Each structure stands twice: as C-alpha cells, then as structure tokens.
Amino acid sequence: MITVTLSDELEAAVQSAAERKGVSLDDYLTAICSEALALETDRVRLQSYLAGTPGVSQQRADAWLAELAAGKRSPCPR
C-alpha cells in the first residue's frame, strides 16, 4: 500500500474528478496510475526505437496480426 499526501486543492480536484466519473477515489487513482505507467512504458519503447534498438520482429508482428484476423485477441507484441 502506498500513502500519498496531496495539497488540499489537489485532493479536492481529484475527489471531484472521481465523483464526475462515478467511481470511487481508489478506483480513480488506480486508473490514473495505470495510465501514467502505460505512457511511461510507451515513452521508454519510443526512446529505445529512436536509439536503434530492434523492435518486434516482422515474423512476430505477422503472427499476431494473423491471430487477430482469426478472432483471437491478445495484447500487441512488444
């Protein structure tokens, strides 16, 4: 468990946002953190690509696309 101290203004804004979305404060903050981590992962992947580090092989990408076309959903290969 993590405890975070927010300013009164930020806490009120976060609570209002959670209420507008109709979710609990815990669920709202969990979603925000998940989105931030996904963005960080994408940023790291982009930096790696720009640095010339090999990405997903064409063979692996083609296999994933074939499965997707066959109706088998899975996360995009990374």
N, C-alpha and C. Protein backbone atom coordinates (compact mmCIF):
# COMPACT_ATOMS: atom_id res chain seq x y z
N MET A 1 0.84 -1.17 0.00
CA MET A 1 0.00 0.00 0.00
C MET A 1 0.89 1.24 0.00
N ILE A 2 0.45 2.24 -0.72
CA ILE A 2 1.18 3.50 -0.81
C ILE A 2 0.31 4.60 -0.23
N THR A 3 0.92 5.46 0.54
CA THR A 3 0.22 6.62 1.07
C THR A 3 0.81 7.85 0.41
N VAL A 4 -0.07 8.71 -0.10
CA VAL A 4 0.36 9.92 -0.79
C VAL A 4 -0.34 11.11 -0.13
N THR A 5 0.43 12.15 0.12
CA THR A 5 -0.14 13.37 0.69
C THR A 5 -0.31 14.39 -0.43
N LEU A 6 -1.54 14.87 -0.60
CA LEU A 6 -1.84 15.85 -1.62
C LEU A 6 -2.18 17.18 -0.96
N SER A 7 -1.95 18.26 -1.68
CA SER A 7 -2.39 19.55 -1.18
C SER A 7 -3.92 19.52 -1.10
N ASP A 8 -4.48 20.38 -0.31
CA ASP A 8 -5.94 20.43 -0.17
C ASP A 8 -6.61 20.68 -1.52
N GLU A 9 -6.03 21.57 -2.32
CA GLU A 9 -6.60 21.89 -3.63
C GLU A 9 -6.57 20.70 -4.57
N LEU A 10 -5.43 20.00 -4.60
CA LEU A 10 -5.30 18.85 -5.48
C LEU A 10 -6.22 17.72 -5.02
N GLU A 11 -6.30 17.51 -3.73
CA GLU A 11 -7.17 16.47 -3.19
C GLU A 11 -8.63 16.74 -3.58
N ALA A 12 -9.07 17.99 -3.45
CA ALA A 12 -10.44 18.35 -3.81
C ALA A 12 -10.68 18.13 -5.30
N ALA A 13 -9.70 18.48 -6.12
CA ALA A 13 -9.85 18.31 -7.57
C ALA A 13 -9.93 16.83 -7.94
N VAL A 14 -9.13 16.00 -7.30
CA VAL A 14 -9.15 14.56 -7.59
C VAL A 14 -10.47 13.96 -7.13
N GLN A 15 -10.93 14.34 -5.97
CA GLN A 15 -12.21 13.83 -5.48
C GLN A 15 -13.36 14.24 -6.41
N SER A 16 -13.33 15.47 -6.88
CA SER A 16 -14.36 15.95 -7.80
C SER A 16 -14.32 15.17 -9.11
N ALA A 17 -13.14 14.92 -9.61
CA ALA A 17 -13.00 14.17 -10.86
C ALA A 17 -13.54 12.75 -10.70
N ALA A 18 -13.23 12.10 -9.59
CA ALA A 18 -13.73 10.75 -9.33
C ALA A 18 -15.26 10.76 -9.27
N GLU A 19 -15.82 11.74 -8.60
CA GLU A 19 -17.28 11.85 -8.50
C GLU A 19 -17.91 12.06 -9.87
N ARG A 20 -17.30 12.90 -10.70
CA ARG A 20 -17.83 13.14 -12.05
C ARG A 20 -17.83 11.86 -12.88
N LYS A 21 -16.81 11.05 -12.67
CA LYS A 21 -16.72 9.78 -13.41
C LYS A 21 -17.60 8.70 -12.79
N GLY A 22 -18.06 8.96 -11.57
CA GLY A 22 -18.93 7.98 -10.91
C GLY A 22 -18.19 6.77 -10.38
N VAL A 23 -16.94 6.98 -9.99
CA VAL A 23 -16.14 5.88 -9.44
C VAL A 23 -15.58 6.29 -8.08
N SER A 24 -15.12 5.29 -7.35
CA SER A 24 -14.53 5.59 -6.05
C SER A 24 -13.19 6.29 -6.24
N LEU A 25 -12.76 6.95 -5.19
CA LEU A 25 -11.46 7.63 -5.24
C LEU A 25 -10.35 6.62 -5.50
N ASP A 26 -10.41 5.48 -4.84
CA ASP A 26 -9.39 4.44 -5.05
C ASP A 26 -9.36 3.97 -6.51
N ASP A 27 -10.54 3.72 -7.08
CA ASP A 27 -10.60 3.26 -8.47
C ASP A 27 -10.10 4.34 -9.43
N TYR A 28 -10.44 5.58 -9.14
CA TYR A 28 -10.00 6.68 -10.00
C TYR A 28 -8.47 6.80 -9.97
N LEU A 29 -7.90 6.79 -8.78
CA LEU A 29 -6.44 6.92 -8.67
C LEU A 29 -5.73 5.71 -9.25
N THR A 30 -6.32 4.53 -9.12
CA THR A 30 -5.74 3.33 -9.72
C THR A 30 -5.69 3.49 -11.24
N ALA A 31 -6.78 3.98 -11.83
CA ALA A 31 -6.83 4.18 -13.28
C ALA A 31 -5.80 5.22 -13.72
N ILE A 32 -5.70 6.31 -12.96
CA ILE A 32 -4.74 7.36 -13.31
C ILE A 32 -3.31 6.81 -13.27
N CYS A 33 -2.99 6.07 -12.24
CA CYS A 33 -1.64 5.50 -12.12
C CYS A 33 -1.37 4.50 -13.24
N SER A 34 -2.36 3.68 -13.58
CA SER A 34 -2.19 2.70 -14.66
C SER A 34 -1.92 3.40 -15.98
N GLU A 35 -2.67 4.47 -16.25
CA GLU A 35 -2.47 5.22 -17.49
C GLU A 35 -1.09 5.87 -17.52
N ALA A 36 -0.65 6.41 -16.39
CA ALA A 36 0.67 7.05 -16.32
C ALA A 36 1.77 6.02 -16.57
N LEU A 37 1.62 4.83 -16.01
CA LEU A 37 2.63 3.78 -16.21
C LEU A 37 2.64 3.30 -17.65
N ALA A 38 1.47 3.21 -18.27
CA ALA A 38 1.41 2.81 -19.68
C ALA A 38 2.10 3.85 -20.55
N LEU A 39 1.89 5.12 -20.26
CA LEU A 39 2.58 6.17 -21.01
C LEU A 39 4.09 6.10 -20.81
N GLU A 40 4.51 5.82 -19.60
CA GLU A 40 5.95 5.69 -19.33
C GLU A 40 6.54 4.52 -20.10
N THR A 41 5.82 3.41 -20.14
CA THR A 41 6.28 2.24 -20.90
C THR A 41 6.40 2.60 -22.38
N ASP A 42 5.41 3.29 -22.91
CA ASP A 42 5.46 3.70 -24.31
C ASP A 42 6.62 4.67 -24.56
N ARG A 43 6.87 5.57 -23.62
CA ARG A 43 7.98 6.52 -23.77
C ARG A 43 9.31 5.77 -23.83
N VAL A 44 9.48 4.79 -22.96
CA VAL A 44 10.71 4.00 -22.95
C VAL A 44 10.86 3.23 -24.26
N ARG A 45 9.75 2.66 -24.74
CA ARG A 45 9.79 1.92 -26.01
C ARG A 45 10.16 2.85 -27.16
N LEU A 46 9.60 4.05 -27.18
CA LEU A 46 9.91 5.00 -28.24
C LEU A 46 11.38 5.40 -28.19
N GLN A 47 11.89 5.68 -26.99
CA GLN A 47 13.30 6.04 -26.86
C GLN A 47 14.19 4.90 -27.35
N SER A 48 13.81 3.68 -27.03
CA SER A 48 14.57 2.53 -27.47
C SER A 48 14.58 2.43 -28.99
N TYR A 49 13.40 2.64 -29.59
CA TYR A 49 13.29 2.60 -31.04
C TYR A 49 14.14 3.69 -31.69
N LEU A 50 14.02 4.90 -31.15
CA LEU A 50 14.78 6.02 -31.71
C LEU A 50 16.29 5.83 -31.55
N ALA A 51 16.70 5.06 -30.53
CA ALA A 51 18.11 4.78 -30.31
C ALA A 51 18.61 3.66 -31.21
N GLY A 52 17.69 3.05 -31.99
CA GLY A 52 18.09 2.00 -32.91
C GLY A 52 17.99 0.59 -32.36
N THR A 53 17.44 0.44 -31.17
CA THR A 53 17.27 -0.89 -30.60
C THR A 53 16.20 -1.63 -31.40
N PRO A 54 16.47 -2.87 -31.79
CA PRO A 54 15.48 -3.60 -32.58
C PRO A 54 14.15 -3.72 -31.83
N GLY A 55 13.06 -3.61 -32.58
CA GLY A 55 11.73 -3.76 -32.00
C GLY A 55 11.23 -5.17 -32.21
N VAL A 56 9.95 -5.29 -32.40
CA VAL A 56 9.33 -6.60 -32.63
C VAL A 56 9.68 -7.05 -34.04
N SER A 57 10.02 -8.33 -34.18
CA SER A 57 10.37 -8.85 -35.50
C SER A 57 9.14 -8.86 -36.40
N GLN A 58 9.37 -8.79 -37.69
CA GLN A 58 8.27 -8.82 -38.66
C GLN A 58 7.50 -10.12 -38.53
N GLN A 59 8.22 -11.23 -38.30
CA GLN A 59 7.58 -12.54 -38.17
C GLN A 59 6.61 -12.55 -36.98
N ARG A 60 7.06 -11.99 -35.86
CA ARG A 60 6.21 -11.95 -34.66
C ARG A 60 5.00 -11.04 -34.88
N ALA A 61 5.21 -9.91 -35.54
CA ALA A 61 4.10 -9.00 -35.84
C ALA A 61 3.10 -9.66 -36.78
N ASP A 62 3.59 -10.35 -37.80
CA ASP A 62 2.70 -11.03 -38.75
C ASP A 62 1.89 -12.12 -38.06
N ALA A 63 2.51 -12.86 -37.15
CA ALA A 63 1.80 -13.91 -36.42
C ALA A 63 0.69 -13.31 -35.56
N TRP A 64 1.00 -12.20 -34.91
CA TRP A 64 -0.01 -11.54 -34.08
C TRP A 64 -1.17 -11.05 -34.93
N LEU A 65 -0.87 -10.44 -36.08
CA LEU A 65 -1.92 -9.95 -36.97
C LEU A 65 -2.78 -11.08 -37.51
N ALA A 66 -2.17 -12.22 -37.81
CA ALA A 66 -2.92 -13.38 -38.29
C ALA A 66 -3.87 -13.89 -37.21
N GLU A 67 -3.40 -13.94 -35.97
CA GLU A 67 -4.27 -14.36 -34.87
C GLU A 67 -5.41 -13.37 -34.67
N LEU A 68 -5.10 -12.08 -34.77
CA LEU A 68 -6.12 -11.05 -34.62
C LEU A 68 -7.18 -11.19 -35.71
N ALA A 69 -6.75 -11.43 -36.95
CA ALA A 69 -7.68 -11.61 -38.07
C ALA A 69 -8.55 -12.85 -37.88
N ALA A 70 -8.02 -13.85 -37.16
CA ALA A 70 -8.76 -15.08 -36.91
C ALA A 70 -9.68 -14.94 -35.69
N GLY A 71 -9.72 -13.75 -35.12
CA GLY A 71 -10.60 -13.53 -33.97
C GLY A 71 -9.98 -13.80 -32.62
N LYS A 72 -8.70 -14.08 -32.60
CA LYS A 72 -8.01 -14.35 -31.33
C LYS A 72 -7.33 -13.08 -30.87
N ARG A 73 -7.97 -12.39 -29.91
CA ARG A 73 -7.42 -11.13 -29.41
C ARG A 73 -6.35 -11.39 -28.37
N SER A 74 -5.27 -10.66 -28.48
CA SER A 74 -4.19 -10.71 -27.49
C SER A 74 -3.49 -9.35 -27.52
N PRO A 75 -2.74 -9.06 -26.46
CA PRO A 75 -2.03 -7.76 -26.45
C PRO A 75 -1.05 -7.65 -27.60
N CYS A 76 -0.88 -6.45 -28.08
CA CYS A 76 0.09 -6.19 -29.14
C CYS A 76 1.49 -6.59 -28.66
N PRO A 77 2.24 -7.31 -29.49
CA PRO A 77 3.59 -7.69 -29.06
C PRO A 77 4.48 -6.49 -28.84
N ARG A 78 5.32 -6.60 -27.86
CA ARG A 78 6.23 -5.50 -27.52
C ARG A 78 7.64 -5.98 -27.56
